[in-house]
PDB file of N, CA and C in Angstrom:
ATOM      1  N   UNK A   1      54.230  72.092  60.335  1.00  0.00           N
ATOM      2  CA  UNK A   1      53.680  72.572  61.551  1.00  0.00           C
ATOM      3  C   UNK A   1      54.744  73.296  62.333  1.00  0.00           C
ATOM      4  N   UNK A   2      54.367  74.442  62.923  1.00  0.00           N
ATOM      5  CA  UNK A   2      55.319  75.271  63.645  1.00  0.00           C
ATOM      6  C   UNK A   2      55.530  74.708  65.078  1.00  0.00           C
ATOM      7  N   UNK A   3      56.860  74.561  65.456  1.00  0.00           N
ATOM      8  CA  UNK A   3      57.214  74.063  66.744  1.00  0.00           C
ATOM      9  C   UNK A   3      57.801  75.252  67.508  1.00  0.00           C
ATOM     10  N   UNK A   4      57.244  75.499  68.698  1.00  0.00           N
ATOM     11  CA  UNK A   4      57.664  76.685  69.506  1.00  0.00           C
ATOM     12  C   UNK A   4      58.144  76.260  70.916  1.00  0.00           C
ATOM     13  N   UNK A   5      58.928  77.148  71.464  1.00  0.00           N
ATOM     14  CA  UNK A   5      59.292  76.996  72.853  1.00  0.00           C
ATOM     15  C   UNK A   5      59.390  78.433  73.382  1.00  0.00           C
ATOM     16  N   UNK A   6      58.791  78.686  74.554  1.00  0.00           N
ATOM     17  CA  UNK A   6      58.941  80.022  75.147  1.00  0.00           C
ATOM     18  C   UNK A   6      60.010  80.018  76.326  1.00  0.00           C
ATOM     19  N   UNK A   7      60.673  81.121  76.367  1.00  0.00           N
ATOM     20  CA  UNK A   7      61.688  81.314  77.461  1.00  0.00           C
ATOM     21  C   UNK A   7      61.849  82.750  77.719  1.00  0.00           C
ATOM     22  N   UNK A   8      62.607  83.070  78.677  1.00  0.00           N
ATOM     23  CA  UNK A   8      62.897  84.504  78.931  1.00  0.00           C
ATOM     24  C   UNK A   8      63.930  85.029  77.965  1.00  0.00           C
ATOM     25  N   UNK A   9      63.872  86.312  77.668  1.00  0.00           N
ATOM     26  CA  UNK A   9      64.896  86.922  76.802  1.00  0.00           C
ATOM     27  C   UNK A   9      66.316  86.712  77.316  1.00  0.00           C
ATOM     28  N   UNK A  10      66.482  86.742  78.663  1.00  0.00           N
ATOM     29  CA  UNK A  10      67.785  86.506  79.298  1.00  0.00           C
ATOM     30  C   UNK A  10      68.308  85.127  78.972  1.00  0.00           C
ATOM     31  N   UNK A  11      67.438  84.138  79.159  1.00  0.00           N
ATOM     32  CA  UNK A  11      67.827  82.752  78.846  1.00  0.00           C
ATOM     33  C   UNK A  11      68.157  82.528  77.378  1.00  0.00           C
ATOM     34  N   UNK A  12      67.431  83.187  76.515  1.00  0.00           N
ATOM     35  CA  UNK A  12      67.795  83.123  75.035  1.00  0.00           C
ATOM     36  C   UNK A  12      69.137  83.791  74.773  1.00  0.00           C
ATOM     37  N   UNK A  13      69.418  84.906  75.424  1.00  0.00           N
ATOM     38  CA  UNK A  13      70.661  85.583  75.143  1.00  0.00           C
ATOM     39  C   UNK A  13      71.849  84.726  75.685  1.00  0.00           C
ATOM     40  N   UNK A  14      71.598  84.025  76.804  1.00  0.00           N
ATOM     41  CA  UNK A  14      72.666  83.135  77.272  1.00  0.00           C
ATOM     42  C   UNK A  14      72.864  82.000  76.347  1.00  0.00           C
ATOM     43  N   UNK A  15      71.866  81.461  75.802  1.00  0.00           N
ATOM     44  CA  UNK A  15      71.923  80.308  74.872  1.00  0.00           C
ATOM     45  C   UNK A  15      72.631  80.688  73.579  1.00  0.00           C
ATOM     46  N   UNK A  16      72.436  81.936  73.124  1.00  0.00           N
ATOM     47  CA  UNK A  16      73.135  82.401  71.997  1.00  0.00           C
ATOM     48  C   UNK A  16      74.618  82.455  72.226  1.00  0.00           C
ATOM     49  N   UNK A  17      74.975  82.862  73.384  1.00  0.00           N
ATOM     50  CA  UNK A  17      76.470  82.870  73.728  1.00  0.00           C
ATOM     51  C   UNK A  17      77.020  81.441  73.831  1.00  0.00           C
ATOM     52  N   UNK A  18      76.221  80.475  74.400  1.00  0.00           N
ATOM     53  CA  UNK A  18      76.645  79.111  74.613  1.00  0.00           C
ATOM     54  C   UNK A  18      76.579  78.283  73.312  1.00  0.00           C
ATOM     55  N   UNK A  19      75.750  78.710  72.373  1.00  0.00           N
ATOM     56  CA  UNK A  19      75.584  77.932  71.113  1.00  0.00           C
ATOM     57  C   UNK A  19      74.426  76.883  71.138  1.00  0.00           C
ATOM     58  N   UNK A  20      73.897  76.738  72.382  1.00  0.00           N
ATOM     59  CA  UNK A  20      72.756  75.827  72.555  1.00  0.00           C
ATOM     60  C   UNK A  20      71.927  76.230  73.712  1.00  0.00           C
ATOM     61  N   UNK A  21      70.703  75.831  73.715  1.00  0.00           N
ATOM     62  CA  UNK A  21      69.683  76.082  74.730  1.00  0.00           C
ATOM     63  C   UNK A  21      69.308  74.809  75.444  1.00  0.00           C
ATOM     64  N   UNK A  22      69.379  74.841  76.742  1.00  0.00           N
ATOM     65  CA  UNK A  22      68.986  73.637  77.520  1.00  0.00           C
ATOM     66  C   UNK A  22      67.728  73.836  78.290  1.00  0.00           C
ATOM     67  N   UNK A  23      67.254  75.018  78.413  1.00  0.00           N
ATOM     68  CA  UNK A  23      66.024  75.223  79.197  1.00  0.00           C
ATOM     69  C   UNK A  23      66.214  74.888  80.661  1.00  0.00           C
ATOM     70  N   UNK A  24      65.139  74.951  81.340  1.00  0.00           N
ATOM     71  CA  UNK A  24      65.185  74.618  82.751  1.00  0.00           C
ATOM     72  C   UNK A  24      64.651  73.168  83.053  1.00  0.00           C
ATOM     73  N   UNK A  25      64.388  72.438  82.016  1.00  0.00           N
ATOM     74  CA  UNK A  25      63.877  71.045  82.224  1.00  0.00           C
ATOM     75  C   UNK A  25      64.734  69.908  81.539  1.00  0.00           C
ATOM     76  N   UNK A  26      65.647  70.290  80.713  1.00  0.00           N
ATOM     77  CA  UNK A  26      66.433  69.210  80.093  1.00  0.00           C
ATOM     78  C   UNK A  26      67.154  68.398  81.126  1.00  0.00           C
ATOM     79  N   UNK A  27      67.817  68.994  82.074  1.00  0.00           N
ATOM     80  CA  UNK A  27      68.601  68.300  83.068  1.00  0.00           C
ATOM     81  C   UNK A  27      67.679  67.652  84.090  1.00  0.00           C
ATOM     82  N   UNK A  28      66.512  68.250  84.379  1.00  0.00           N
ATOM     83  CA  UNK A  28      65.616  67.685  85.454  1.00  0.00           C
ATOM     84  C   UNK A  28      64.626  66.671  84.894  1.00  0.00           C
ATOM     85  N   UNK A  29      64.097  66.937  83.699  1.00  0.00           N
ATOM     86  CA  UNK A  29      63.056  66.011  83.178  1.00  0.00           C
ATOM     87  C   UNK A  29      63.499  65.240  81.971  1.00  0.00           C
ATOM     88  N   UNK A  30      64.696  65.590  81.416  1.00  0.00           N
ATOM     89  CA  UNK A  30      65.214  64.840  80.302  1.00  0.00           C
ATOM     90  C   UNK A  30      64.818  65.351  78.917  1.00  0.00           C
ATOM     91  N   UNK A  31      63.990  66.398  78.893  1.00  0.00           N
ATOM     92  CA  UNK A  31      63.581  66.975  77.636  1.00  0.00           C
ATOM     93  C   UNK A  31      63.209  68.487  77.783  1.00  0.00           C
ATOM     94  N   UNK A  32      63.148  69.169  76.652  1.00  0.00           N
ATOM     95  CA  UNK A  32      62.767  70.502  76.578  1.00  0.00           C
ATOM     96  C   UNK A  32      61.262  70.537  76.131  1.00  0.00           C
ATOM     97  N   UNK A  33      60.453  71.193  76.912  1.00  0.00           N
ATOM     98  CA  UNK A  33      59.009  71.267  76.593  1.00  0.00           C
ATOM     99  C   UNK A  33      58.888  72.181  75.340  1.00  0.00           C
ATOM    100  N   UNK A  34      58.135  71.718  74.358  1.00  0.00           N
ATOM    101  CA  UNK A  34      57.819  72.623  73.184  1.00  0.00           C
ATOM    102  C   UNK A  34      56.292  72.570  72.994  1.00  0.00           C
ATOM    103  N   UNK A  35      55.885  73.327  71.981  1.00  0.00           N
ATOM    104  CA  UNK A  35      54.450  73.431  71.796  1.00  0.00           C
ATOM    105  C   UNK A  35      54.177  73.748  70.341  1.00  0.00           C
ATOM    106  N   UNK A  36      52.879  73.790  69.989  1.00  0.00           N
ATOM    107  CA  UNK A  36      52.432  74.312  68.701  1.00  0.00           C
ATOM    108  C   UNK A  36      51.808  75.715  68.916  1.00  0.00           C
ATOM    109  N   UNK A  37      51.616  76.402  67.819  1.00  0.00           N
ATOM    110  CA  UNK A  37      51.030  77.746  67.939  1.00  0.00           C
ATOM    111  C   UNK A  37      49.633  77.673  68.625  1.00  0.00           C
ATOM    112  N   UNK A  38      48.936  76.607  68.353  1.00  0.00           N
ATOM    113  CA  UNK A  38      47.556  76.532  68.797  1.00  0.00           C
ATOM    114  C   UNK A  38      47.524  76.219  70.381  1.00  0.00           C
ATOM    115  N   UNK A  39      48.540  75.603  70.836  1.00  0.00           N
ATOM    116  CA  UNK A  39      48.550  75.140  72.207  1.00  0.00           C
ATOM    117  C   UNK A  39      49.534  75.847  73.166  1.00  0.00           C
ATOM    118  N   UNK A  40      50.373  76.741  72.644  1.00  0.00           N
ATOM    119  CA  UNK A  40      51.433  77.344  73.439  1.00  0.00           C
ATOM    120  C   UNK A  40      50.892  78.098  74.635  1.00  0.00           C
ATOM    121  N   UNK A  41      49.730  78.624  74.492  1.00  0.00           N
ATOM    122  CA  UNK A  41      49.001  79.374  75.603  1.00  0.00           C
ATOM    123  C   UNK A  41      48.800  78.516  76.792  1.00  0.00           C
ATOM    124  N   UNK A  42      48.527  77.256  76.623  1.00  0.00           N
ATOM    125  CA  UNK A  42      48.210  76.358  77.773  1.00  0.00           C
ATOM    126  C   UNK A  42      49.376  76.315  78.800  1.00  0.00           C
ATOM    127  N   UNK A  43      50.564  75.844  78.386  1.00  0.00           N
ATOM    128  CA  UNK A  43      51.641  75.823  79.391  1.00  0.00           C
ATOM    129  C   UNK A  43      52.062  77.256  79.776  1.00  0.00           C
ATOM    130  N   UNK A  44      51.920  78.206  78.893  1.00  0.00           N
ATOM    131  CA  UNK A  44      52.290  79.569  79.272  1.00  0.00           C
ATOM    132  C   UNK A  44      51.453  80.102  80.429  1.00  0.00           C
ATOM    133  N   UNK A  45      50.118  79.871  80.334  1.00  0.00           N
ATOM    134  CA  UNK A  45      49.192  80.301  81.433  1.00  0.00           C
ATOM    135  C   UNK A  45      49.464  79.527  82.684  1.00  0.00           C
ATOM    136  N   UNK A  46      49.865  78.272  82.612  1.00  0.00           N
ATOM    137  CA  UNK A  46      50.139  77.490  83.818  1.00  0.00           C
ATOM    138  C   UNK A  46      51.326  77.880  84.559  1.00  0.00           C
ATOM    139  N   UNK A  47      52.438  78.242  83.807  1.00  0.00           N
ATOM    140  CA  UNK A  47      53.658  78.460  84.520  1.00  0.00           C
ATOM    141  C   UNK A  47      54.249  79.879  84.347  1.00  0.00           C
ATOM    142  N   UNK A  48      53.686  80.688  83.431  1.00  0.00           N
ATOM    143  CA  UNK A  48      54.305  81.971  83.207  1.00  0.00           C
ATOM    144  C   UNK A  48      53.277  83.042  83.115  1.00  0.00           C
ATOM    145  N   UNK A  49      52.076  82.873  83.637  1.00  0.00           N
ATOM    146  CA  UNK A  49      51.038  83.846  83.536  1.00  0.00           C
ATOM    147  C   UNK A  49      51.548  85.232  84.027  1.00  0.00           C
ATOM    148  N   UNK A  50      51.297  86.269  83.268  1.00  0.00           N
ATOM    149  CA  UNK A  50      51.662  87.688  83.671  1.00  0.00           C
ATOM    150  C   UNK A  50      53.071  88.095  83.404  1.00  0.00           C
ATOM    151  N   UNK A  51      53.919  87.124  82.917  1.00  0.00           N
ATOM    152  CA  UNK A  51      55.320  87.458  82.590  1.00  0.00           C
ATOM    153  C   UNK A  51      55.422  88.240  81.315  1.00  0.00           C
ATOM    154  N   UNK A  52      56.230  89.287  81.323  1.00  0.00           N
ATOM    155  CA  UNK A  52      56.340  90.088  80.138  1.00  0.00           C
ATOM    156  C   UNK A  52      57.772  90.039  79.545  1.00  0.00           C
ATOM    157  N   UNK A  53      58.594  89.114  80.081  1.00  0.00           N
ATOM    158  CA  UNK A  53      60.002  89.007  79.653  1.00  0.00           C
ATOM    159  C   UNK A  53      60.219  87.832  78.642  1.00  0.00           C
ATOM    160  N   UNK A  54      59.145  87.325  78.077  1.00  0.00           N
ATOM    161  CA  UNK A  54      59.242  86.095  77.304  1.00  0.00           C
ATOM    162  C   UNK A  54      59.347  86.310  75.827  1.00  0.00           C
ATOM    163  N   UNK A  55      60.029  85.355  75.151  1.00  0.00           N
ATOM    164  CA  UNK A  55      60.054  85.291  73.707  1.00  0.00           C
ATOM    165  C   UNK A  55      59.695  83.854  73.284  1.00  0.00           C
ATOM    166  N   UNK A  56      59.229  83.758  72.056  1.00  0.00           N
ATOM    167  CA  UNK A  56      58.920  82.474  71.418  1.00  0.00           C
ATOM    168  C   UNK A  56      60.038  82.113  70.524  1.00  0.00           C
ATOM    169  N   UNK A  57      60.615  80.985  70.686  1.00  0.00           N
ATOM    170  CA  UNK A  57      61.578  80.456  69.770  1.00  0.00           C
ATOM    171  C   UNK A  57      60.912  79.573  68.755  1.00  0.00           C
ATOM    172  N   UNK A  58      61.039  79.852  67.478  1.00  0.00           N
ATOM    173  CA  UNK A  58      60.413  79.047  66.434  1.00  0.00           C
ATOM    174  C   UNK A  58      61.526  78.081  65.965  1.00  0.00           C
ATOM    175  N   UNK A  59      61.245  76.767  66.030  1.00  0.00           N
ATOM    176  CA  UNK A  59      62.277  75.760  65.756  1.00  0.00           C
ATOM    177  C   UNK A  59      62.053  75.167  64.329  1.00  0.00           C
ATOM    178  N   UNK A  60      63.204  74.747  63.745  1.00  0.00           N
ATOM    179  CA  UNK A  60      63.152  73.921  62.517  1.00  0.00           C
ATOM    180  C   UNK A  60      63.540  72.518  63.019  1.00  0.00           C
ATOM    181  N   UNK A  61      62.592  71.614  63.007  1.00  0.00           N
ATOM    182  CA  UNK A  61      62.805  70.245  63.528  1.00  0.00           C
ATOM    183  C   UNK A  61      63.948  69.546  62.753  1.00  0.00           C
ATOM    184  N   UNK A  62      64.160  69.928  61.486  1.00  0.00           N
ATOM    185  CA  UNK A  62      65.145  69.282  60.692  1.00  0.00           C
ATOM    186  C   UNK A  62      66.590  69.744  61.114  1.00  0.00           C
ATOM    187  N   UNK A  63      66.699  70.800  61.913  1.00  0.00           N
ATOM    188  CA  UNK A  63      67.998  71.349  62.326  1.00  0.00           C
ATOM    189  C   UNK A  63      68.359  70.819  63.805  1.00  0.00           C
ATOM    190  N   UNK A  64      67.521  69.964  64.404  1.00  0.00           N
ATOM    191  CA  UNK A  64      67.937  69.496  65.732  1.00  0.00           C
ATOM    192  C   UNK A  64      68.506  68.048  65.616  1.00  0.00           C
ATOM    193  N   UNK A  65      69.398  67.782  66.452  1.00  0.00           N
ATOM    194  CA  UNK A  65      70.051  66.388  66.428  1.00  0.00           C
ATOM    195  C   UNK A  65      69.336  65.463  67.337  1.00  0.00           C
ATOM    196  N   UNK A  66      68.658  65.899  68.335  1.00  0.00           N
ATOM    197  CA  UNK A  66      68.030  65.065  69.395  1.00  0.00           C
ATOM    198  C   UNK A  66      66.618  64.645  68.901  1.00  0.00           C
ATOM    199  N   UNK A  67      66.102  63.584  69.485  1.00  0.00           N
ATOM    200  CA  UNK A  67      64.742  63.134  69.176  1.00  0.00           C
ATOM    201  C   UNK A  67      63.765  64.179  69.568  1.00  0.00           C
ATOM    202  N   UNK A  68      62.785  64.382  68.742  1.00  0.00           N
ATOM    203  CA  UNK A  68      61.625  65.248  69.002  1.00  0.00           C
ATOM    204  C   UNK A  68      60.337  64.290  69.015  1.00  0.00           C
ATOM    205  N   UNK A  69      59.784  64.079  70.208  1.00  0.00           N
ATOM    206  CA  UNK A  69      58.727  63.153  70.353  1.00  0.00           C
ATOM    207  C   UNK A  69      57.418  63.923  70.733  1.00  0.00           C
ATOM    208  N   UNK A  70      56.302  63.456  70.153  1.00  0.00           N
ATOM    209  CA  UNK A  70      54.985  63.978  70.411  1.00  0.00           C
ATOM    210  C   UNK A  70      54.360  63.135  71.539  1.00  0.00           C
ATOM    211  N   UNK A  71      54.161  63.805  72.677  1.00  0.00           N
ATOM    212  CA  UNK A  71      53.688  63.057  73.855  1.00  0.00           C
ATOM    213  C   UNK A  71      52.512  63.783  74.524  1.00  0.00           C
ATOM    214  N   UNK A  72      51.631  63.085  75.253  1.00  0.00           N
ATOM    215  CA  UNK A  72      50.493  63.760  75.883  1.00  0.00           C
ATOM    216  C   UNK A  72      51.037  64.764  76.925  1.00  0.00           C
ATOM    217  N   UNK A  73      50.353  65.964  76.927  1.00  0.00           N
ATOM    218  CA  UNK A  73      50.761  66.957  77.912  1.00  0.00           C
ATOM    219  C   UNK A  73      50.582  66.501  79.333  1.00  0.00           C
ATOM    220  N   UNK A  74      49.561  65.617  79.498  1.00  0.00           N
ATOM    221  CA  UNK A  74      49.310  64.961  80.794  1.00  0.00           C
ATOM    222  C   UNK A  74      49.555  63.510  80.611  1.00  0.00           C
ATOM    223  N   UNK A  75      50.739  62.964  81.086  1.00  0.00           N
ATOM    224  CA  UNK A  75      51.008  61.557  80.887  1.00  0.00           C
ATOM    225  C   UNK A  75      50.009  60.543  81.463  1.00  0.00           C
ATOM    226  N   UNK A  76      49.192  61.048  82.420  1.00  0.00           N
ATOM    227  CA  UNK A  76      48.179  60.144  82.978  1.00  0.00           C
ATOM    228  C   UNK A  76      46.905  60.099  82.157  1.00  0.00           C
ATOM    229  N   UNK A  77      46.833  60.934  81.149  1.00  0.00           N
ATOM    230  CA  UNK A  77      45.663  61.057  80.341  1.00  0.00           C
ATOM    231  C   UNK A  77      46.014  60.923  78.846  1.00  0.00           C
ATOM    232  N   UNK A  78      45.843  59.754  78.265  1.00  0.00           N
ATOM    233  CA  UNK A  78      46.270  59.520  76.924  1.00  0.00           C
ATOM    234  C   UNK A  78      45.436  60.350  75.916  1.00  0.00           C
ATOM    235  N   UNK A  79      44.273  60.879  76.317  1.00  0.00           N
ATOM    236  CA  UNK A  79      43.463  61.702  75.466  1.00  0.00           C
ATOM    237  C   UNK A  79      43.866  63.142  75.470  1.00  0.00           C
ATOM    238  N   UNK A  80      44.765  63.467  76.329  1.00  0.00           N
ATOM    239  CA  UNK A  80      45.159  64.933  76.471  1.00  0.00           C
ATOM    240  C   UNK A  80      45.920  65.306  75.163  1.00  0.00           C
ATOM    241  N   UNK A  81      45.943  66.563  74.778  1.00  0.00           N
ATOM    242  CA  UNK A  81      46.684  67.047  73.655  1.00  0.00           C
ATOM    243  C   UNK A  81      48.139  66.651  73.742  1.00  0.00           C
ATOM    244  N   UNK A  82      48.690  66.346  72.528  1.00  0.00           N
ATOM    245  CA  UNK A  82      50.130  66.022  72.495  1.00  0.00           C
ATOM    246  C   UNK A  82      50.969  67.189  72.175  1.00  0.00           C
ATOM    247  N   UNK A  83      52.134  67.252  72.894  1.00  0.00           N
ATOM    248  CA  UNK A  83      53.134  68.341  72.753  1.00  0.00           C
ATOM    249  C   UNK A  83      54.416  67.753  72.311  1.00  0.00           C
ATOM    250  N   UNK A  84      55.184  68.512  71.509  1.00  0.00           N
ATOM    251  CA  UNK A  84      56.523  68.049  71.167  1.00  0.00           C
ATOM    252  C   UNK A  84      57.519  68.234  72.257  1.00  0.00           C
ATOM    253  N   UNK A  85      58.278  67.272  72.566  1.00  0.00           N
ATOM    254  CA  UNK A  85      59.307  67.256  73.579  1.00  0.00           C
ATOM    255  C   UNK A  85      60.669  67.021  72.897  1.00  0.00           C
ATOM    256  N   UNK A  86      61.621  67.857  73.105  1.00  0.00           N
ATOM    257  CA  UNK A  86      62.950  67.710  72.539  1.00  0.00           C
ATOM    258  C   UNK A  86      63.879  67.047  73.498  1.00  0.00           C
ATOM    259  N   UNK A  87      64.370  65.829  73.225  1.00  0.00           N
ATOM    260  CA  UNK A  87      65.168  65.047  74.137  1.00  0.00           C
ATOM    261  C   UNK A  87      66.642  65.284  73.962  1.00  0.00           C
ATOM    262  N   UNK A  88      67.058  66.567  74.038  1.00  0.00           N
ATOM    263  CA  UNK A  88      68.445  66.961  73.931  1.00  0.00           C
ATOM    264  C   UNK A  88      68.482  68.461  73.861  1.00  0.00           C
ATOM    265  N   UNK A  89      69.686  68.992  73.843  1.00  0.00           N
ATOM    266  CA  UNK A  89      69.815  70.499  73.723  1.00  0.00           C
ATOM    267  C   UNK A  89      69.343  70.995  72.355  1.00  0.00           C
ATOM    268  N   UNK A  90      68.871  72.219  72.379  1.00  0.00           N
ATOM    269  CA  UNK A  90      68.433  72.891  71.214  1.00  0.00           C
ATOM    270  C   UNK A  90      69.536  73.704  70.590  1.00  0.00           C
ATOM    271  N   UNK A  91      70.077  73.372  69.430  1.00  0.00           N
ATOM    272  CA  UNK A  91      71.157  74.185  68.899  1.00  0.00           C
ATOM    273  C   UNK A  91      70.584  75.529  68.494  1.00  0.00           C
ATOM    274  N   UNK A  92      71.311  76.617  68.741  1.00  0.00           N
ATOM    275  CA  UNK A  92      70.921  77.917  68.363  1.00  0.00           C
ATOM    276  C   UNK A  92      70.607  78.000  66.897  1.00  0.00           C
ATOM    277  N   UNK A  93      71.352  77.279  66.053  1.00  0.00           N
ATOM    278  CA  UNK A  93      71.117  77.241  64.658  1.00  0.00           C
ATOM    279  C   UNK A  93      69.749  76.712  64.165  1.00  0.00           C
ATOM    280  N   UNK A  94      69.097  75.977  65.108  1.00  0.00           N
ATOM    281  CA  UNK A  94      67.812  75.347  64.827  1.00  0.00           C
ATOM    282  C   UNK A  94      66.625  76.350  65.003  1.00  0.00           C
ATOM    283  N   UNK A  95      66.938  77.508  65.635  1.00  0.00           N
ATOM    284  CA  UNK A  95      65.949  78.505  65.887  1.00  0.00           C
ATOM    285  C   UNK A  95      65.956  79.420  64.665  1.00  0.00           C
ATOM    286  N   UNK A  96      64.799  79.380  63.938  1.00  0.00           N
ATOM    287  CA  UNK A  96      64.701  80.091  62.710  1.00  0.00           C
ATOM    288  C   UNK A  96      64.039  81.455  62.871  1.00  0.00           C
ATOM    289  N   UNK A  97      63.385  81.696  63.958  1.00  0.00           N
ATOM    290  CA  UNK A  97      62.824  83.045  64.337  1.00  0.00           C
ATOM    291  C   UNK A  97      62.556  83.141  65.834  1.00  0.00           C
ATOM    292  N   UNK A  98      62.613  84.426  66.276  1.00  0.00           N
ATOM    293  CA  UNK A  98      62.380  84.696  67.669  1.00  0.00           C
ATOM    294  C   UNK A  98      61.281  85.752  67.669  1.00  0.00           C
ATOM    295  N   UNK A  99      60.174  85.482  68.406  1.00  0.00           N
ATOM    296  CA  UNK A  99      59.057  86.387  68.433  1.00  0.00           C
ATOM    297  C   UNK A  99      58.788  86.858  69.897  1.00  0.00           C
ATOM    298  N   UNK A 100      58.308  88.116  69.994  1.00  0.00           N
ATOM    299  CA  UNK A 100      57.840  88.578  71.269  1.00  0.00           C
ATOM    300  C   UNK A 100      56.673  87.660  71.732  1.00  0.00           C
ATOM    301  N   UNK A 101      56.500  87.468  73.041  1.00  0.00           N
ATOM    302  CA  UNK A 101      55.416  86.648  73.534  1.00  0.00           C
ATOM    303  C   UNK A 101      54.834  87.416  74.763  1.00  0.00           C
ATOM    304  N   UNK A 102      53.836  88.187  74.546  1.00  0.00           N
ATOM    305  CA  UNK A 102      53.296  89.092  75.584  1.00  0.00           C
ATOM    306  C   UNK A 102      51.843  88.629  75.958  1.00  0.00           C
ATOM    307  N   UNK A 103      51.572  88.668  77.280  1.00  0.00           N
ATOM    308  CA  UNK A 103      50.235  88.394  77.769  1.00  0.00           C
ATOM    309  C   UNK A 103      49.288  89.558  77.507  1.00  0.00           C
ATOM    310  N   UNK A 104      48.022  89.337  77.657  1.00  0.00           N
ATOM    311  CA  UNK A 104      47.050  90.485  77.551  1.00  0.00           C
ATOM    312  C   UNK A 104      47.128  91.311  78.834  1.00  0.00           C
ATOM    313  N   UNK A 105      46.266  92.294  78.938  1.00  0.00           N
ATOM    314  CA  UNK A 105      46.233  93.168  80.049  1.00  0.00           C
ATOM    315  C   UNK A 105      45.893  92.469  81.391  1.00  0.00           C
ATOM    316  N   UNK A 106      45.317  91.308  81.308  1.00  0.00           N
ATOM    317  CA  UNK A 106      45.012  90.557  82.493  1.00  0.00           C
ATOM    318  C   UNK A 106      46.102  89.537  82.791  1.00  0.00           C
ATOM    319  N   UNK A 107      47.123  89.485  82.086  1.00  0.00           N
ATOM    320  CA  UNK A 107      48.237  88.601  82.274  1.00  0.00           C
ATOM    321  C   UNK A 107      48.100  87.176  81.613  1.00  0.00           C
ATOM    322  N   UNK A 108      47.046  87.050  80.770  1.00  0.00           N
ATOM    323  CA  UNK A 108      46.801  85.745  80.175  1.00  0.00           C
ATOM    324  C   UNK A 108      47.351  85.672  78.714  1.00  0.00           C
ATOM    325  N   UNK A 109      47.870  84.559  78.352  1.00  0.00           N
ATOM    326  CA  UNK A 109      48.340  84.255  77.009  1.00  0.00           C
ATOM    327  C   UNK A 109      47.217  83.682  76.230  1.00  0.00           C
ATOM    328  N   UNK A 110      47.156  84.024  74.951  1.00  0.00           N
ATOM    329  CA  UNK A 110      46.062  83.503  74.060  1.00  0.00           C
ATOM    330  C   UNK A 110      46.680  82.554  73.014  1.00  0.00           C
ATOM    331  N   UNK A 111      45.851  81.671  72.413  1.00  0.00           N
ATOM    332  CA  UNK A 111      46.335  80.865  71.317  1.00  0.00           C
ATOM    333  C   UNK A 111      46.832  81.752  70.174  1.00  0.00           C
ATOM    334  N   UNK A 112      47.810  81.248  69.452  1.00  0.00           N
ATOM    335  CA  UNK A 112      48.279  81.944  68.293  1.00  0.00           C
ATOM    336  C   UNK A 112      47.548  81.350  67.029  1.00  0.00           C
ATOM    337  N   UNK A 113      47.641  82.099  65.986  1.00  0.00           N
ATOM    338  CA  UNK A 113      47.062  81.639  64.695  1.00  0.00           C
ATOM    339  C   UNK A 113      47.772  80.396  64.267  1.00  0.00           C
ATOM    340  N   UNK A 114      47.066  79.411  63.717  1.00  0.00           N
ATOM    341  CA  UNK A 114      47.622  78.231  63.184  1.00  0.00           C
ATOM    342  C   UNK A 114      48.732  78.482  62.183  1.00  0.00           C
ATOM    343  N   UNK A 115      49.861  77.754  62.286  1.00  0.00           N
ATOM    344  CA  UNK A 115      50.959  77.960  61.357  1.00  0.00           C
ATOM    345  C   UNK A 115      51.739  79.228  61.572  1.00  0.00           C
ATOM    346  N   UNK A 116      51.494  79.879  62.684  1.00  0.00           N
ATOM    347  CA  UNK A 116      52.238  81.173  62.932  1.00  0.00           C
ATOM    348  C   UNK A 116      53.000  81.048  64.184  1.00  0.00           C
ATOM    349  N   UNK A 117      54.131  81.721  64.199  1.00  0.00           N
ATOM    350  CA  UNK A 117      54.878  81.865  65.431  1.00  0.00           C
ATOM    351  C   UNK A 117      54.507  83.124  66.218  1.00  0.00           C
ATOM    352  N   UNK A 118      53.747  83.922  65.598  1.00  0.00           N
ATOM    353  CA  UNK A 118      53.286  85.196  66.260  1.00  0.00           C
ATOM    354  C   UNK A 118      51.776  85.441  66.180  1.00  0.00           C
TER     355      UNK A 118
END
């Protein structure tokens, strides 16, 4: 299964220089939010609708040192879809591909094809 994380091109460039990516939630929430191709549009539309500066990082879970846990997107609803959460920094070497992530003409992001980063 493809594990993805979206971020700005600038944040990814900074991570490449640093050797690791921490995102904007590792320090505040304790983990980096990730997703699957089928669900990545859900958080993207909630927090990044209309942004055109995003890329999708495709991760190899075998290359991360921190725990990757599948947890409900809404912790108050155990029936909500589960998302992968990375409980530590993402090593740049664990990113196996970087894809453009663009919204449609209305600013909305769409689900991606299953098993695909793009």
